[in-house]
């Protein structure tokens, strides 16, 4: 008794056709078609695999697993749709030709960048003479709520995001606008200001005592 084969219900089928095979060293690559969408695949002479959407697909790229994260080219910027975790060293090429070593930061746009201090980038420069608010900061000991981190790092010494109430520029915010962390590396500036005030007061007192001797 004969039977008629039919697709499984609920499964979307797509017709895939190819004008050739993927090969290495090609100059133009090979195209394959999925329904009405055409893609170009090539492995160039540097053994780099490229995937390009032929119909203005701006997010054509490589996806890992069904429904998983994907990497794609957005204009001249490589992007990933979800978190990108590096287990080891992440090496970034020259951020600006001719620059020396410098720290990297996450800027307001969520990009990894570096901070500049040259006067040529700044306006409204005024010498700061008082940062007495630092005396209201409360250094404290604490343990992380995350059990693994608490076990690895034990009791810590630091500040909390309450710094935001005293000097918000020394903190950064999360996506909901709540204080997230403290820029410890920027605390040296207000400390320097207050140290200069103490030095000035000490010299004035020394001069006064010398005059009375």
Foldseek 3Di string as FASTA:
>chain_A
DDDDDDDDPPDDDWDKAWPDDEDEQDDFATWMDTHPWIKGWYQHNVRDIDIGTPPPPQFDFDADDDVHKTWGQHPNDIDIPDDDDDDDDDDDPDPDPPDDDFDWDQDPVRDIGGDDDDCVVDPPDDDDQADPLVVVFDWDKDADPPPVRCVVPPIDIDGDLCVCVSPVVQFDADPVRHTDDGNPVPVVVNVVSVVVVVVVVVVVVVVVVVVVD
